[in-house]
Amino acid sequence: MADHERRTDRRLESTILDLLDRRGPGATICPSDAARAVYAADGDGWRGLMEPVRRAARRLAAAGEVEITQRGRPVDPDRARGPIRIRRTP
């Protein structure tokens, strides 16, 4: 993995945690919230970060920092298909 990719991965992870911390206990974010915050540019360029954000969320879930939900219920991050939300682990 290139240094640039590692920096982006770390930035995505910290952005996810920062967004969740700002929203408060029990709040969730959409992966697109983190993608938009990291991309921080006009246009649709943030869409290219959607899968990297999902991977970052899976790493954070494996570390016990967050959980991934669908329809308000925790799901196995490796099996989640379709829209997900991310929240701090209770």
N, C-alpha and C. Protein backbone atom coordinates (compact mmCIF):
# COMPACT_ATOMS: atom_id res chain seq x y z
N MET A 1 0.84 -1.18 0.00
CA MET A 1 0.00 0.00 0.00
C MET A 1 0.88 1.24 0.00
N ALA A 2 0.57 2.18 -0.82
CA ALA A 2 1.35 3.42 -0.94
C ALA A 2 1.10 4.33 0.25
N ASP A 3 2.07 5.21 0.52
CA ASP A 3 1.93 6.16 1.63
C ASP A 3 0.67 6.99 1.51
N HIS A 4 0.37 7.43 0.29
CA HIS A 4 -0.83 8.24 0.06
C HIS A 4 -2.09 7.48 0.50
N GLU A 5 -2.17 6.20 0.14
CA GLU A 5 -3.33 5.39 0.51
C GLU A 5 -3.41 5.22 2.02
N ARG A 6 -2.27 5.01 2.66
CA ARG A 6 -2.25 4.86 4.12
C ARG A 6 -2.71 6.15 4.80
N ARG A 7 -2.24 7.28 4.29
CA ARG A 7 -2.67 8.57 4.86
C ARG A 7 -4.17 8.77 4.68
N THR A 8 -4.68 8.42 3.52
CA THR A 8 -6.11 8.55 3.27
C THR A 8 -6.89 7.62 4.20
N ASP A 9 -6.42 6.40 4.37
CA ASP A 9 -7.09 5.46 5.27
C ASP A 9 -7.15 6.00 6.69
N ARG A 10 -6.02 6.51 7.18
CA ARG A 10 -5.98 7.07 8.54
C ARG A 10 -6.90 8.28 8.64
N ARG A 11 -6.90 9.10 7.61
CA ARG A 11 -7.76 10.29 7.62
C ARG A 11 -9.23 9.90 7.62
N LEU A 12 -9.60 8.89 6.85
CA LEU A 12 -10.98 8.42 6.83
C LEU A 12 -11.39 7.89 8.21
N GLU A 13 -10.52 7.10 8.82
CA GLU A 13 -10.83 6.57 10.15
C GLU A 13 -11.02 7.69 11.16
N SER A 14 -10.11 8.66 11.17
CA SER A 14 -10.22 9.75 12.14
C SER A 14 -11.43 10.63 11.84
N THR A 15 -11.78 10.80 10.57
CA THR A 15 -12.95 11.58 10.21
C THR A 15 -14.22 10.90 10.67
N ILE A 16 -14.32 9.59 10.49
CA ILE A 16 -15.48 8.84 10.97
C ILE A 16 -15.64 9.06 12.47
N LEU A 17 -14.57 8.86 13.23
CA LEU A 17 -14.65 9.01 14.68
C LEU A 17 -14.98 10.44 15.09
N ASP A 18 -14.39 11.41 14.40
CA ASP A 18 -14.66 12.81 14.71
C ASP A 18 -16.12 13.17 14.45
N LEU A 19 -16.64 12.75 13.32
CA LEU A 19 -18.04 13.03 13.01
C LEU A 19 -18.97 12.41 14.04
N LEU A 20 -18.68 11.19 14.45
CA LEU A 20 -19.51 10.52 15.45
C LEU A 20 -19.42 11.23 16.80
N ASP A 21 -18.22 11.64 17.18
CA ASP A 21 -18.06 12.34 18.45
C ASP A 21 -18.84 13.65 18.47
N ARG A 22 -18.88 14.34 17.34
CA ARG A 22 -19.61 15.60 17.27
C ARG A 22 -21.12 15.41 17.31
N ARG A 23 -21.58 14.25 16.90
CA ARG A 23 -23.03 14.00 16.87
C ARG A 23 -23.56 13.48 18.20
N GLY A 24 -22.70 12.92 19.01
CA GLY A 24 -23.15 12.49 20.33
C GLY A 24 -23.48 11.02 20.43
N PRO A 25 -23.73 10.56 21.66
CA PRO A 25 -23.98 9.14 21.92
C PRO A 25 -25.17 8.60 21.13
N GLY A 26 -24.99 7.44 20.55
CA GLY A 26 -26.06 6.77 19.83
C GLY A 26 -26.31 7.28 18.42
N ALA A 27 -25.68 8.40 18.05
CA ALA A 27 -25.89 8.96 16.72
C ALA A 27 -25.17 8.13 15.67
N THR A 28 -25.65 8.22 14.45
CA THR A 28 -25.03 7.50 13.34
C THR A 28 -24.63 8.48 12.26
N ILE A 29 -23.74 8.00 11.40
CA ILE A 29 -23.40 8.75 10.20
C ILE A 29 -23.52 7.82 9.00
N CYS A 30 -23.69 8.42 7.86
CA CYS A 30 -23.66 7.69 6.60
C CYS A 30 -22.21 7.71 6.11
N PRO A 31 -21.74 6.66 5.48
CA PRO A 31 -20.39 6.69 4.93
C PRO A 31 -20.13 7.90 4.03
N SER A 32 -21.18 8.38 3.35
CA SER A 32 -20.99 9.54 2.47
C SER A 32 -20.64 10.80 3.26
N ASP A 33 -21.05 10.89 4.53
CA ASP A 33 -20.68 12.04 5.36
C ASP A 33 -19.16 12.13 5.49
N ALA A 34 -18.54 10.99 5.75
CA ALA A 34 -17.08 10.96 5.89
C ALA A 34 -16.40 11.20 4.54
N ALA A 35 -16.93 10.60 3.47
CA ALA A 35 -16.35 10.80 2.14
C ALA A 35 -16.39 12.27 1.75
N ARG A 36 -17.51 12.92 1.99
CA ARG A 36 -17.63 14.33 1.64
C ARG A 36 -16.69 15.19 2.48
N ALA A 37 -16.58 14.87 3.77
CA ALA A 37 -15.70 15.65 4.65
C ALA A 37 -14.24 15.53 4.23
N VAL A 38 -13.82 14.36 3.81
CA VAL A 38 -12.42 14.16 3.42
C VAL A 38 -12.17 14.75 2.04
N TYR A 39 -13.10 14.58 1.14
CA TYR A 39 -12.89 15.09 -0.22
C TYR A 39 -12.92 16.61 -0.22
N ALA A 40 -13.90 17.19 0.47
CA ALA A 40 -14.00 18.64 0.65
C ALA A 40 -13.79 19.44 -0.63
N ALA A 41 -14.44 19.01 -1.68
CA ALA A 41 -14.38 19.74 -2.95
C ALA A 41 -15.74 19.67 -3.62
N ASP A 42 -15.97 20.56 -4.54
CA ASP A 42 -17.23 20.55 -5.26
C ASP A 42 -17.26 19.36 -6.21
N GLY A 43 -18.45 18.96 -6.59
CA GLY A 43 -18.61 17.89 -7.55
C GLY A 43 -18.84 16.56 -6.88
N ASP A 44 -18.74 15.53 -7.68
CA ASP A 44 -19.03 14.18 -7.21
C ASP A 44 -17.78 13.37 -6.91
N GLY A 45 -16.62 14.00 -6.77
CA GLY A 45 -15.38 13.27 -6.52
C GLY A 45 -15.40 12.46 -5.25
N TRP A 46 -16.24 12.85 -4.28
CA TRP A 46 -16.32 12.12 -3.02
C TRP A 46 -16.83 10.70 -3.22
N ARG A 47 -17.57 10.46 -4.28
CA ARG A 47 -18.12 9.12 -4.51
C ARG A 47 -17.02 8.06 -4.65
N GLY A 48 -15.86 8.47 -5.14
CA GLY A 48 -14.74 7.54 -5.26
C GLY A 48 -14.18 7.10 -3.92
N LEU A 49 -14.56 7.78 -2.86
CA LEU A 49 -14.10 7.41 -1.51
C LEU A 49 -15.08 6.51 -0.77
N MET A 50 -16.21 6.20 -1.38
CA MET A 50 -17.23 5.42 -0.66
C MET A 50 -16.73 4.04 -0.24
N GLU A 51 -16.09 3.30 -1.11
CA GLU A 51 -15.59 1.98 -0.71
C GLU A 51 -14.45 2.12 0.29
N PRO A 52 -13.50 3.05 0.12
CA PRO A 52 -12.49 3.23 1.16
C PRO A 52 -13.10 3.60 2.52
N VAL A 53 -14.19 4.37 2.53
CA VAL A 53 -14.85 4.69 3.81
C VAL A 53 -15.44 3.42 4.42
N ARG A 54 -16.08 2.61 3.61
CA ARG A 54 -16.65 1.35 4.12
C ARG A 54 -15.55 0.45 4.68
N ARG A 55 -14.40 0.40 4.00
CA ARG A 55 -13.28 -0.40 4.52
C ARG A 55 -12.77 0.17 5.84
N ALA A 56 -12.68 1.51 5.93
CA ALA A 56 -12.25 2.15 7.17
C ALA A 56 -13.22 1.83 8.30
N ALA A 57 -14.51 1.85 8.00
CA ALA A 57 -15.52 1.52 9.02
C ALA A 57 -15.37 0.06 9.46
N ARG A 58 -15.08 -0.83 8.52
CA ARG A 58 -14.89 -2.24 8.89
C ARG A 58 -13.67 -2.41 9.80
N ARG A 59 -12.59 -1.67 9.51
CA ARG A 59 -11.41 -1.74 10.38
C ARG A 59 -11.74 -1.22 11.78
N LEU A 60 -12.47 -0.11 11.84
CA LEU A 60 -12.85 0.45 13.15
C LEU A 60 -13.79 -0.50 13.89
N ALA A 61 -14.66 -1.19 13.16
CA ALA A 61 -15.56 -2.16 13.79
C ALA A 61 -14.74 -3.33 14.35
N ALA A 62 -13.76 -3.79 13.59
CA ALA A 62 -12.91 -4.89 14.06
C ALA A 62 -12.12 -4.50 15.31
N ALA A 63 -11.81 -3.21 15.44
CA ALA A 63 -11.08 -2.70 16.60
C ALA A 63 -12.01 -2.41 17.78
N GLY A 64 -13.33 -2.56 17.56
CA GLY A 64 -14.29 -2.32 18.63
C GLY A 64 -14.67 -0.87 18.83
N GLU A 65 -14.28 0.01 17.91
CA GLU A 65 -14.56 1.44 18.02
C GLU A 65 -15.97 1.81 17.56
N VAL A 66 -16.44 1.13 16.52
CA VAL A 66 -17.75 1.44 15.95
C VAL A 66 -18.49 0.15 15.65
N GLU A 67 -19.77 0.31 15.34
CA GLU A 67 -20.52 -0.81 14.78
C GLU A 67 -21.23 -0.33 13.53
N ILE A 68 -21.44 -1.26 12.65
CA ILE A 68 -22.10 -0.97 11.39
C ILE A 68 -23.53 -1.47 11.51
N THR A 69 -24.46 -0.62 11.09
CA THR A 69 -25.87 -0.97 11.23
C THR A 69 -26.59 -0.88 9.89
N GLN A 70 -27.68 -1.62 9.84
CA GLN A 70 -28.64 -1.51 8.75
C GLN A 70 -30.02 -1.56 9.39
N ARG A 71 -30.85 -0.62 9.02
CA ARG A 71 -32.19 -0.50 9.61
C ARG A 71 -32.13 -0.43 11.14
N GLY A 72 -31.08 0.23 11.65
CA GLY A 72 -30.96 0.45 13.08
C GLY A 72 -30.40 -0.71 13.88
N ARG A 73 -30.07 -1.81 13.22
CA ARG A 73 -29.56 -3.00 13.92
C ARG A 73 -28.13 -3.29 13.51
N PRO A 74 -27.30 -3.69 14.48
CA PRO A 74 -25.92 -4.06 14.13
C PRO A 74 -25.90 -5.23 13.14
N VAL A 75 -24.98 -5.15 12.21
CA VAL A 75 -24.80 -6.23 11.23
C VAL A 75 -23.32 -6.59 11.17
N ASP A 76 -23.05 -7.78 10.66
CA ASP A 76 -21.68 -8.22 10.43
C ASP A 76 -21.10 -7.34 9.32
N PRO A 77 -20.06 -6.58 9.62
CA PRO A 77 -19.51 -5.66 8.61
C PRO A 77 -19.10 -6.34 7.31
N ASP A 78 -18.67 -7.59 7.39
CA ASP A 78 -18.23 -8.29 6.19
C ASP A 78 -19.39 -8.82 5.35
N ARG A 79 -20.58 -8.84 5.94
CA ARG A 79 -21.74 -9.36 5.23
C ARG A 79 -22.72 -8.27 4.82
N ALA A 80 -22.49 -7.05 5.27
CA ALA A 80 -23.42 -5.96 4.98
C ALA A 80 -23.41 -5.63 3.49
N ARG A 81 -24.57 -5.59 2.91
CA ARG A 81 -24.75 -5.21 1.51
C ARG A 81 -25.77 -4.09 1.47
N GLY A 82 -25.55 -3.14 0.62
CA GLY A 82 -26.49 -2.03 0.52
C GLY A 82 -26.15 -0.93 1.51
N PRO A 83 -27.11 -0.02 1.74
CA PRO A 83 -26.87 1.13 2.61
C PRO A 83 -26.56 0.72 4.04
N ILE A 84 -25.55 1.38 4.61
CA ILE A 84 -25.18 1.14 6.00
C ILE A 84 -25.11 2.47 6.74
N ARG A 85 -25.12 2.38 8.04
CA ARG A 85 -24.86 3.52 8.93
C ARG A 85 -23.74 3.08 9.86
N ILE A 86 -23.05 4.06 10.42
CA ILE A 86 -21.94 3.79 11.34
C ILE A 86 -22.23 4.51 12.65
N ARG A 87 -22.03 3.83 13.77
CA ARG A 87 -22.20 4.48 15.07
C ARG A 87 -21.13 3.97 16.02
N ARG A 88 -20.86 4.77 17.06
CA ARG A 88 -19.90 4.38 18.09
C ARG A 88 -20.42 3.12 18.78
N THR A 89 -19.53 2.27 19.17
CA THR A 89 -19.90 1.09 19.93
C THR A 89 -20.40 1.53 21.30
N PRO A 90 -21.57 1.02 21.71
CA PRO A 90 -22.11 1.44 23.02
C PRO A 90 -21.25 0.98 24.18
